[in-house]
N, C-alpha and C. Protein backbone atom coordinates (compact mmCIF):
# COMPACT_ATOMS: atom_id res chain seq x y z
N MET A 1 0.84 -1.17 0.00
CA MET A 1 0.00 0.00 0.00
C MET A 1 0.89 1.23 0.00
N SER A 2 0.63 2.16 -0.88
CA SER A 2 1.49 3.33 -0.95
C SER A 2 0.75 4.55 -0.46
N GLY A 3 1.36 5.30 0.44
CA GLY A 3 0.78 6.54 0.94
C GLY A 3 -0.57 6.30 1.57
N THR A 4 -1.44 7.31 1.40
CA THR A 4 -2.77 7.21 1.97
C THR A 4 -3.81 7.00 0.90
N ASP A 5 -3.36 6.75 -0.36
CA ASP A 5 -4.32 6.57 -1.42
C ASP A 5 -4.74 5.12 -1.61
N GLY A 6 -4.19 4.20 -0.82
CA GLY A 6 -4.53 2.79 -0.93
C GLY A 6 -5.92 2.55 -0.41
N SER A 7 -6.43 1.40 -0.70
CA SER A 7 -7.75 1.04 -0.24
C SER A 7 -7.75 0.91 1.28
N ASP A 8 -8.76 1.48 1.91
CA ASP A 8 -8.88 1.40 3.36
C ASP A 8 -9.81 0.28 3.78
N GLY A 9 -10.43 -0.37 2.81
CA GLY A 9 -11.36 -1.44 3.12
C GLY A 9 -10.73 -2.80 2.95
N PRO A 10 -11.58 -3.80 2.80
CA PRO A 10 -11.06 -5.15 2.65
C PRO A 10 -10.34 -5.30 1.32
N PRO A 11 -9.52 -6.32 1.20
CA PRO A 11 -8.83 -6.54 -0.06
C PRO A 11 -9.82 -6.90 -1.15
N PRO A 12 -9.43 -6.79 -2.42
CA PRO A 12 -10.35 -7.15 -3.49
C PRO A 12 -10.77 -8.61 -3.36
N PHE A 13 -11.99 -8.90 -3.80
CA PHE A 13 -12.47 -10.27 -3.69
C PHE A 13 -11.68 -11.16 -4.64
N GLU A 14 -11.14 -12.20 -4.10
CA GLU A 14 -10.42 -13.20 -4.88
C GLU A 14 -10.87 -14.55 -4.39
N ASP A 15 -10.49 -15.58 -5.08
CA ASP A 15 -10.82 -16.94 -4.67
C ASP A 15 -10.09 -17.25 -3.38
N VAL A 16 -10.80 -17.20 -2.27
CA VAL A 16 -10.16 -17.40 -0.97
C VAL A 16 -9.69 -18.84 -0.78
N VAL A 17 -10.14 -19.73 -1.60
CA VAL A 17 -9.75 -21.13 -1.48
C VAL A 17 -8.38 -21.36 -2.14
N ALA A 18 -7.85 -20.37 -2.84
CA ALA A 18 -6.58 -20.54 -3.56
C ALA A 18 -5.41 -20.77 -2.61
N SER A 19 -5.49 -20.31 -1.39
CA SER A 19 -4.40 -20.48 -0.43
C SER A 19 -4.44 -21.87 0.18
N ASP A 20 -3.26 -22.42 0.47
CA ASP A 20 -3.19 -23.72 1.12
C ASP A 20 -3.33 -23.61 2.63
N ASP A 21 -3.16 -22.42 3.19
CA ASP A 21 -3.19 -22.21 4.62
C ASP A 21 -4.63 -21.96 5.08
N ILE A 22 -5.16 -22.84 5.90
CA ILE A 22 -6.56 -22.73 6.33
C ILE A 22 -6.79 -21.45 7.13
N GLU A 23 -5.87 -21.11 8.02
CA GLU A 23 -6.04 -19.89 8.81
C GLU A 23 -6.17 -18.68 7.89
N GLN A 24 -5.35 -18.61 6.85
CA GLN A 24 -5.41 -17.50 5.91
C GLN A 24 -6.73 -17.50 5.14
N ARG A 25 -7.21 -18.68 4.78
CA ARG A 25 -8.48 -18.75 4.05
C ARG A 25 -9.64 -18.28 4.93
N VAL A 26 -9.63 -18.67 6.21
CA VAL A 26 -10.68 -18.21 7.13
C VAL A 26 -10.58 -16.69 7.29
N TYR A 27 -9.38 -16.19 7.45
CA TYR A 27 -9.15 -14.74 7.59
C TYR A 27 -9.65 -14.01 6.34
N ASP A 28 -9.26 -14.49 5.16
CA ASP A 28 -9.70 -13.85 3.91
C ASP A 28 -11.22 -13.88 3.78
N THR A 29 -11.82 -14.97 4.22
CA THR A 29 -13.28 -15.09 4.13
C THR A 29 -13.96 -14.08 5.04
N ILE A 30 -13.47 -13.94 6.26
CA ILE A 30 -14.12 -13.00 7.19
C ILE A 30 -13.92 -11.56 6.73
N LEU A 31 -12.81 -11.27 6.05
CA LEU A 31 -12.61 -9.92 5.52
C LEU A 31 -13.67 -9.56 4.48
N GLN A 32 -14.17 -10.54 3.80
CA GLN A 32 -15.18 -10.31 2.77
C GLN A 32 -16.60 -10.22 3.33
N ALA A 33 -16.80 -10.66 4.56
CA ALA A 33 -18.14 -10.68 5.15
C ALA A 33 -18.62 -9.27 5.43
N ARG A 34 -19.76 -8.93 4.94
CA ARG A 34 -20.34 -7.60 5.13
C ARG A 34 -21.41 -7.58 6.22
N GLU A 35 -21.69 -8.75 6.75
CA GLU A 35 -22.69 -8.86 7.82
C GLU A 35 -22.33 -10.07 8.67
N PRO A 36 -22.91 -10.20 9.85
CA PRO A 36 -22.61 -11.37 10.67
C PRO A 36 -22.85 -12.65 9.88
N THR A 37 -21.86 -13.54 9.93
CA THR A 37 -21.87 -14.76 9.11
C THR A 37 -21.66 -15.97 10.01
N SER A 38 -22.39 -17.03 9.72
CA SER A 38 -22.29 -18.24 10.53
C SER A 38 -20.96 -18.94 10.32
N VAL A 39 -20.58 -19.72 11.32
CA VAL A 39 -19.35 -20.51 11.24
C VAL A 39 -19.42 -21.45 10.03
N GLU A 40 -20.58 -22.05 9.81
CA GLU A 40 -20.75 -22.98 8.70
C GLU A 40 -20.53 -22.29 7.36
N ALA A 41 -21.07 -21.09 7.20
CA ALA A 41 -20.90 -20.35 5.94
C ALA A 41 -19.44 -19.95 5.74
N ILE A 42 -18.78 -19.56 6.83
CA ILE A 42 -17.36 -19.22 6.74
C ILE A 42 -16.54 -20.45 6.39
N ALA A 43 -16.85 -21.58 7.02
CA ALA A 43 -16.14 -22.84 6.74
C ALA A 43 -16.35 -23.26 5.28
N ASP A 44 -17.58 -23.12 4.78
CA ASP A 44 -17.84 -23.46 3.37
C ASP A 44 -17.00 -22.59 2.44
N ALA A 45 -17.00 -21.29 2.69
CA ALA A 45 -16.25 -20.37 1.83
C ALA A 45 -14.75 -20.60 1.93
N ALA A 46 -14.27 -20.98 3.11
CA ALA A 46 -12.84 -21.21 3.32
C ALA A 46 -12.42 -22.64 2.99
N ASP A 47 -13.40 -23.45 2.60
CA ASP A 47 -13.15 -24.85 2.23
C ASP A 47 -12.44 -25.61 3.36
N CYS A 48 -13.07 -25.57 4.54
CA CYS A 48 -12.54 -26.32 5.69
C CYS A 48 -13.72 -26.79 6.53
N ASP A 49 -13.46 -27.62 7.51
CA ASP A 49 -14.55 -28.09 8.35
C ASP A 49 -14.91 -27.00 9.37
N PRO A 50 -16.16 -26.98 9.82
CA PRO A 50 -16.61 -25.95 10.76
C PRO A 50 -15.82 -25.91 12.07
N GLU A 51 -15.35 -27.05 12.57
CA GLU A 51 -14.56 -27.05 13.81
C GLU A 51 -13.26 -26.27 13.63
N THR A 52 -12.61 -26.47 12.51
CA THR A 52 -11.36 -25.76 12.24
C THR A 52 -11.64 -24.27 12.08
N ALA A 53 -12.68 -23.93 11.35
CA ALA A 53 -13.05 -22.52 11.19
C ALA A 53 -13.33 -21.91 12.56
N GLN A 54 -14.06 -22.64 13.42
CA GLN A 54 -14.39 -22.13 14.76
C GLN A 54 -13.14 -21.85 15.57
N GLU A 55 -12.15 -22.74 15.49
CA GLU A 55 -10.89 -22.52 16.22
C GLU A 55 -10.24 -21.20 15.79
N HIS A 56 -10.16 -20.99 14.50
CA HIS A 56 -9.53 -19.77 13.99
C HIS A 56 -10.36 -18.53 14.33
N LEU A 57 -11.68 -18.64 14.23
CA LEU A 57 -12.54 -17.51 14.54
C LEU A 57 -12.47 -17.14 16.02
N THR A 58 -12.35 -18.15 16.88
CA THR A 58 -12.19 -17.88 18.31
C THR A 58 -10.91 -17.08 18.55
N TRP A 59 -9.84 -17.49 17.90
CA TRP A 59 -8.56 -16.78 18.03
C TRP A 59 -8.68 -15.36 17.48
N PHE A 60 -9.32 -15.20 16.31
CA PHE A 60 -9.50 -13.87 15.73
C PHE A 60 -10.36 -12.98 16.62
N ALA A 61 -11.33 -13.58 17.31
CA ALA A 61 -12.17 -12.81 18.23
C ALA A 61 -11.34 -12.34 19.43
N GLU A 62 -10.45 -13.19 19.92
CA GLU A 62 -9.57 -12.79 21.03
C GLU A 62 -8.66 -11.63 20.61
N LEU A 63 -8.23 -11.63 19.35
CA LEU A 63 -7.39 -10.55 18.83
C LEU A 63 -8.20 -9.32 18.44
N ARG A 64 -9.53 -9.45 18.49
CA ARG A 64 -10.48 -8.40 18.13
C ARG A 64 -10.48 -8.09 16.63
N ILE A 65 -10.05 -9.04 15.84
CA ILE A 65 -10.12 -8.91 14.38
C ILE A 65 -11.56 -9.11 13.93
N VAL A 66 -12.27 -9.97 14.65
CA VAL A 66 -13.69 -10.22 14.37
C VAL A 66 -14.49 -9.98 15.64
N THR A 67 -15.78 -9.80 15.44
CA THR A 67 -16.71 -9.67 16.55
C THR A 67 -17.62 -10.89 16.54
N ARG A 68 -17.75 -11.52 17.69
CA ARG A 68 -18.62 -12.69 17.82
C ARG A 68 -19.99 -12.20 18.28
N HIS A 69 -21.03 -12.71 17.63
CA HIS A 69 -22.41 -12.41 18.01
C HIS A 69 -23.06 -13.70 18.47
N ASP A 70 -23.39 -13.75 19.77
CA ASP A 70 -24.05 -14.93 20.32
C ASP A 70 -25.54 -14.84 20.08
N GLY A 71 -26.16 -15.97 20.00
CA GLY A 71 -27.60 -16.05 19.79
C GLY A 71 -27.96 -17.48 19.46
N ASP A 72 -29.12 -17.68 18.86
CA ASP A 72 -29.49 -19.03 18.45
C ASP A 72 -28.44 -19.60 17.51
N LEU A 73 -27.91 -18.75 16.67
CA LEU A 73 -26.85 -19.12 15.75
C LEU A 73 -25.68 -18.16 15.97
N VAL A 74 -24.53 -18.68 16.38
CA VAL A 74 -23.36 -17.84 16.60
C VAL A 74 -22.86 -17.36 15.24
N THR A 75 -22.61 -16.06 15.14
CA THR A 75 -22.09 -15.48 13.90
C THR A 75 -20.88 -14.61 14.20
N TYR A 76 -20.12 -14.34 13.16
CA TYR A 76 -18.93 -13.50 13.27
C TYR A 76 -18.97 -12.48 12.15
N GLU A 77 -18.38 -11.31 12.44
CA GLU A 77 -18.18 -10.31 11.39
C GLU A 77 -16.87 -9.59 11.62
N ARG A 78 -16.32 -9.03 10.57
CA ARG A 78 -15.06 -8.31 10.70
C ARG A 78 -15.27 -7.11 11.61
N ASN A 79 -14.26 -6.78 12.39
CA ASN A 79 -14.29 -5.65 13.30
C ASN A 79 -13.61 -4.48 12.61
N ASP A 80 -14.40 -3.61 12.02
CA ASP A 80 -13.84 -2.48 11.27
C ASP A 80 -12.98 -1.57 12.14
N ALA A 81 -13.29 -1.48 13.43
CA ALA A 81 -12.49 -0.64 14.33
C ALA A 81 -11.05 -1.17 14.42
N TYR A 82 -10.89 -2.47 14.40
CA TYR A 82 -9.55 -3.06 14.42
C TYR A 82 -8.77 -2.64 13.17
N PHE A 83 -9.41 -2.71 12.02
CA PHE A 83 -8.72 -2.37 10.78
C PHE A 83 -8.43 -0.87 10.69
N ASP A 84 -9.31 -0.04 11.24
CA ASP A 84 -9.02 1.40 11.32
C ASP A 84 -7.81 1.64 12.21
N TRP A 85 -7.79 0.98 13.37
CA TRP A 85 -6.66 1.12 14.30
C TRP A 85 -5.37 0.70 13.62
N ARG A 86 -5.41 -0.42 12.91
CA ARG A 86 -4.23 -0.91 12.21
C ARG A 86 -3.77 0.08 11.14
N ARG A 87 -4.72 0.67 10.42
CA ARG A 87 -4.39 1.65 9.38
C ARG A 87 -3.78 2.91 10.00
N VAL A 88 -4.31 3.38 11.11
CA VAL A 88 -3.75 4.55 11.80
C VAL A 88 -2.32 4.26 12.23
N ASN A 89 -2.08 3.09 12.81
CA ASN A 89 -0.72 2.72 13.22
C ASN A 89 0.23 2.70 12.03
N GLU A 90 -0.24 2.15 10.92
CA GLU A 90 0.58 2.08 9.71
C GLU A 90 0.92 3.49 9.20
N LEU A 91 -0.07 4.36 9.17
CA LEU A 91 0.17 5.73 8.71
C LEU A 91 1.16 6.45 9.62
N ALA A 92 0.98 6.30 10.93
CA ALA A 92 1.87 6.97 11.89
C ALA A 92 3.30 6.46 11.77
N ALA A 93 3.44 5.18 11.47
CA ALA A 93 4.79 4.59 11.38
C ALA A 93 5.48 4.87 10.06
N THR A 94 4.74 5.08 9.00
CA THR A 94 5.34 5.19 7.67
C THR A 94 5.35 6.59 7.09
N HIS A 95 4.76 7.56 7.80
CA HIS A 95 4.71 8.93 7.28
C HIS A 95 5.18 9.91 8.34
N SER A 96 5.87 10.92 7.89
CA SER A 96 6.33 11.96 8.81
C SER A 96 5.15 12.85 9.20
N ASP A 97 5.36 13.61 10.27
CA ASP A 97 4.33 14.57 10.69
C ASP A 97 4.01 15.54 9.55
N ALA A 98 5.03 15.99 8.85
CA ALA A 98 4.84 16.94 7.75
C ALA A 98 4.00 16.32 6.63
N GLU A 99 4.28 15.06 6.31
CA GLU A 99 3.49 14.38 5.27
C GLU A 99 2.03 14.24 5.69
N LEU A 100 1.82 13.88 6.94
CA LEU A 100 0.46 13.73 7.43
C LEU A 100 -0.27 15.08 7.46
N ARG A 101 0.41 16.13 7.91
CA ARG A 101 -0.21 17.47 7.91
C ARG A 101 -0.56 17.91 6.49
N ASP A 102 0.36 17.68 5.55
CA ASP A 102 0.08 18.03 4.15
C ASP A 102 -1.13 17.28 3.62
N ARG A 103 -1.22 16.00 3.94
CA ARG A 103 -2.34 15.18 3.48
C ARG A 103 -3.65 15.66 4.11
N VAL A 104 -3.62 16.02 5.40
CA VAL A 104 -4.82 16.54 6.06
C VAL A 104 -5.27 17.83 5.38
N ARG A 105 -4.31 18.73 5.09
CA ARG A 105 -4.65 20.00 4.41
C ARG A 105 -5.24 19.75 3.02
N GLU A 106 -4.62 18.84 2.28
CA GLU A 106 -5.10 18.51 0.94
C GLU A 106 -6.54 17.97 0.99
N LEU A 107 -6.78 17.06 1.91
CA LEU A 107 -8.12 16.49 2.04
C LEU A 107 -9.12 17.52 2.54
N ALA A 108 -8.72 18.37 3.46
CA ALA A 108 -9.61 19.42 3.97
C ALA A 108 -10.01 20.38 2.85
N THR A 109 -9.07 20.68 1.96
CA THR A 109 -9.38 21.54 0.81
C THR A 109 -10.40 20.86 -0.09
N ARG A 110 -10.20 19.59 -0.38
CA ARG A 110 -11.14 18.85 -1.23
C ARG A 110 -12.52 18.81 -0.59
N ILE A 111 -12.58 18.59 0.72
CA ILE A 111 -13.85 18.54 1.43
C ILE A 111 -14.55 19.89 1.37
N SER A 112 -13.79 20.96 1.57
CA SER A 112 -14.37 22.31 1.51
C SER A 112 -14.95 22.60 0.13
N GLU A 113 -14.27 22.15 -0.91
CA GLU A 113 -14.77 22.35 -2.27
C GLU A 113 -16.11 21.64 -2.46
N TYR A 114 -16.23 20.44 -1.94
CA TYR A 114 -17.50 19.73 -2.04
C TYR A 114 -18.59 20.41 -1.21
N GLU A 115 -18.23 20.90 -0.01
CA GLU A 115 -19.22 21.60 0.82
C GLU A 115 -19.75 22.82 0.10
N GLU A 116 -18.87 23.55 -0.58
CA GLU A 116 -19.30 24.73 -1.35
C GLU A 116 -20.12 24.32 -2.57
N ARG A 117 -19.63 23.34 -3.32
CA ARG A 117 -20.32 22.91 -4.55
C ARG A 117 -21.74 22.46 -4.26
N TYR A 118 -21.93 21.74 -3.15
CA TYR A 118 -23.25 21.17 -2.84
C TYR A 118 -23.98 21.93 -1.74
N ASP A 119 -23.36 22.99 -1.23
CA ASP A 119 -23.97 23.80 -0.16
C ASP A 119 -24.50 22.90 0.96
N ALA A 120 -23.61 22.00 1.43
CA ALA A 120 -23.99 21.05 2.47
C ALA A 120 -22.77 20.75 3.33
N ALA A 121 -23.02 20.31 4.55
CA ALA A 121 -21.94 20.01 5.49
C ALA A 121 -21.39 18.60 5.33
N SER A 122 -22.13 17.72 4.66
CA SER A 122 -21.68 16.35 4.48
C SER A 122 -22.36 15.75 3.27
N PRO A 123 -21.81 14.68 2.72
CA PRO A 123 -22.46 14.04 1.58
C PRO A 123 -23.84 13.48 1.93
N ALA A 124 -24.03 13.09 3.18
CA ALA A 124 -25.32 12.55 3.61
C ALA A 124 -26.44 13.60 3.53
N ALA A 125 -26.06 14.87 3.57
CA ALA A 125 -27.05 15.94 3.54
C ALA A 125 -27.46 16.32 2.12
N VAL A 126 -26.91 15.67 1.11
CA VAL A 126 -27.18 16.02 -0.29
C VAL A 126 -28.23 15.08 -0.87
N ASN A 127 -29.23 15.65 -1.50
CA ASN A 127 -30.22 14.88 -2.24
C ASN A 127 -29.69 14.75 -3.66
N ALA A 128 -29.08 13.63 -3.97
CA ALA A 128 -28.40 13.44 -5.25
C ALA A 128 -29.36 13.55 -6.43
N VAL A 129 -30.56 13.04 -6.29
CA VAL A 129 -31.54 13.11 -7.38
C VAL A 129 -31.91 14.56 -7.67
N ALA A 130 -32.17 15.33 -6.62
CA ALA A 130 -32.54 16.73 -6.80
C ALA A 130 -31.40 17.52 -7.42
N VAL A 131 -30.17 17.26 -6.99
CA VAL A 131 -29.01 17.96 -7.55
C VAL A 131 -28.87 17.65 -9.03
N ALA A 132 -29.00 16.38 -9.39
CA ALA A 132 -28.87 15.98 -10.80
C ALA A 132 -29.97 16.60 -11.65
N GLU A 133 -31.18 16.61 -11.13
CA GLU A 133 -32.30 17.19 -11.88
C GLU A 133 -32.15 18.69 -12.07
N ALA A 134 -31.54 19.37 -11.09
CA ALA A 134 -31.41 20.82 -11.14
C ALA A 134 -30.14 21.28 -11.86
N SER A 135 -29.32 20.35 -12.29
CA SER A 135 -28.06 20.73 -12.92
C SER A 135 -27.86 19.97 -14.23
N GLU A 136 -26.77 20.22 -14.84
CA GLU A 136 -26.39 19.54 -16.08
C GLU A 136 -25.67 18.22 -15.80
N ARG A 137 -25.57 17.83 -14.55
CA ARG A 137 -24.81 16.65 -14.16
C ARG A 137 -25.73 15.43 -14.09
N SER A 138 -25.14 14.29 -14.43
CA SER A 138 -25.91 13.04 -14.32
C SER A 138 -25.93 12.60 -12.86
N ILE A 139 -26.89 11.74 -12.55
CA ILE A 139 -26.97 11.21 -11.19
C ILE A 139 -25.70 10.44 -10.85
N ASP A 140 -25.13 9.75 -11.84
CA ASP A 140 -23.89 9.00 -11.59
C ASP A 140 -22.74 9.94 -11.24
N GLU A 141 -22.65 11.08 -11.89
CA GLU A 141 -21.59 12.04 -11.58
C GLU A 141 -21.74 12.58 -10.16
N VAL A 142 -22.96 12.84 -9.77
CA VAL A 142 -23.22 13.32 -8.41
C VAL A 142 -22.83 12.25 -7.40
N TYR A 143 -23.21 11.00 -7.65
CA TYR A 143 -22.86 9.92 -6.73
C TYR A 143 -21.35 9.71 -6.65
N VAL A 144 -20.64 9.88 -7.75
CA VAL A 144 -19.18 9.77 -7.73
C VAL A 144 -18.61 10.86 -6.81
N ASP A 145 -19.10 12.09 -6.95
CA ASP A 145 -18.66 13.18 -6.08
C ASP A 145 -18.94 12.87 -4.61
N LEU A 146 -20.15 12.40 -4.33
CA LEU A 146 -20.52 12.12 -2.94
C LEU A 146 -19.67 11.01 -2.35
N GLY A 147 -19.36 10.00 -3.15
CA GLY A 147 -18.48 8.93 -2.69
C GLY A 147 -17.07 9.43 -2.43
N ASP A 148 -16.55 10.26 -3.33
CA ASP A 148 -15.21 10.82 -3.15
C ASP A 148 -15.17 11.72 -1.92
N TRP A 149 -16.22 12.47 -1.70
CA TRP A 149 -16.32 13.36 -0.55
C TRP A 149 -16.29 12.55 0.75
N ALA A 150 -17.09 11.49 0.80
CA ALA A 150 -17.13 10.64 2.00
C ALA A 150 -15.76 9.98 2.23
N THR A 151 -15.13 9.54 1.16
CA THR A 151 -13.81 8.92 1.28
C THR A 151 -12.79 9.93 1.79
N ALA A 152 -12.85 11.15 1.28
CA ALA A 152 -11.93 12.20 1.73
C ALA A 152 -12.12 12.47 3.22
N GLN A 153 -13.36 12.48 3.69
CA GLN A 153 -13.61 12.68 5.12
C GLN A 153 -13.02 11.55 5.95
N GLU A 154 -13.21 10.32 5.50
CA GLU A 154 -12.68 9.17 6.24
C GLU A 154 -11.16 9.20 6.27
N ARG A 155 -10.54 9.50 5.14
CA ARG A 155 -9.07 9.53 5.08
C ARG A 155 -8.50 10.68 5.89
N ARG A 156 -9.18 11.81 5.88
CA ARG A 156 -8.72 12.93 6.71
C ARG A 156 -8.75 12.54 8.18
N ASP A 157 -9.82 11.86 8.59
CA ASP A 157 -9.93 11.40 9.98
C ASP A 157 -8.79 10.45 10.32
N LEU A 158 -8.50 9.50 9.44
CA LEU A 158 -7.41 8.55 9.70
C LEU A 158 -6.07 9.27 9.80
N CYS A 159 -5.81 10.22 8.90
CA CYS A 159 -4.54 10.96 8.93
C CYS A 159 -4.43 11.83 10.18
N GLU A 160 -5.54 12.45 10.59
CA GLU A 160 -5.52 13.24 11.82
C GLU A 160 -5.24 12.36 13.03
N ARG A 161 -5.86 11.18 13.07
CA ARG A 161 -5.62 10.25 14.17
C ARG A 161 -4.17 9.77 14.17
N ALA A 162 -3.62 9.50 12.98
CA ALA A 162 -2.22 9.06 12.88
C ALA A 162 -1.29 10.17 13.35
N LEU A 163 -1.59 11.40 13.01
CA LEU A 163 -0.76 12.53 13.45
C LEU A 163 -0.82 12.69 14.96
N ARG A 164 -2.00 12.58 15.54
CA ARG A 164 -2.14 12.65 17.00
C ARG A 164 -1.39 11.50 17.66
N GLN A 165 -1.51 10.31 17.09
CA GLN A 165 -0.82 9.15 17.66
C GLN A 165 0.69 9.33 17.60
N ALA A 166 1.21 9.79 16.48
CA ALA A 166 2.65 10.00 16.35
C ALA A 166 3.13 11.03 17.36
N THR A 167 2.37 12.08 17.54
CA THR A 167 2.71 13.13 18.51
C THR A 167 2.67 12.57 19.93
N ASP A 168 1.61 11.82 20.24
CA ASP A 168 1.50 11.21 21.57
C ASP A 168 2.64 10.23 21.83
N ASP A 169 3.00 9.43 20.82
CA ASP A 169 4.09 8.47 20.96
C ASP A 169 5.41 9.17 21.28
N ARG A 170 5.68 10.27 20.59
CA ARG A 170 6.92 11.02 20.84
C ARG A 170 6.93 11.63 22.23
N GLU A 171 5.76 12.11 22.68
CA GLU A 171 5.68 12.69 24.02
C GLU A 171 5.93 11.63 25.09
N CYS A 172 5.44 10.42 24.86
CA CYS A 172 5.67 9.32 25.80
C CYS A 172 7.14 8.92 25.82
N GLU A 173 7.77 8.90 24.67
CA GLU A 173 9.16 8.51 24.58
C GLU A 173 10.08 9.55 25.25
N SER A 174 9.72 10.84 25.15
CA SER A 174 10.58 11.88 25.72
C SER A 174 10.25 12.17 27.18
N GLY A 175 9.10 11.73 27.63
CA GLY A 175 8.67 12.04 28.98
C GLY A 175 8.92 11.00 29.95
């Protein structure tokens, strides 16, 4: 992953069964899950028996990579907070304070441009259909803008958190 322009979400969908390592296949499968998923469904996708999948999922839950949901049917889902935390750590470790500040400024400028263009504080406040009907822009163009705007907000938040973390880490080391 280079800089802050890499994907912040799960890896692209690939054949998770291609790996010979069962733990990796279970991990890849849970990364693709968009909702709580049963052990059996994860085992089927990872091409392993449910007991083996359960062992790995229990370990991933202890690491907080996944969240376990108890009920009539136990399910697991990826813990997005864990992946955000990991991304913040990566940014803080691989970028200087100056690089992070520059990226925050760049993203803040892009966000401000969208706020002005759409006269709204966030993409959620924009009625895309109304904007498209009132302008020369297609609905798809408006949705592309709104998606880019939301992504810019998320990335700015991650860079700000990484900058705070790097600053806090240095203060702990010197104090």
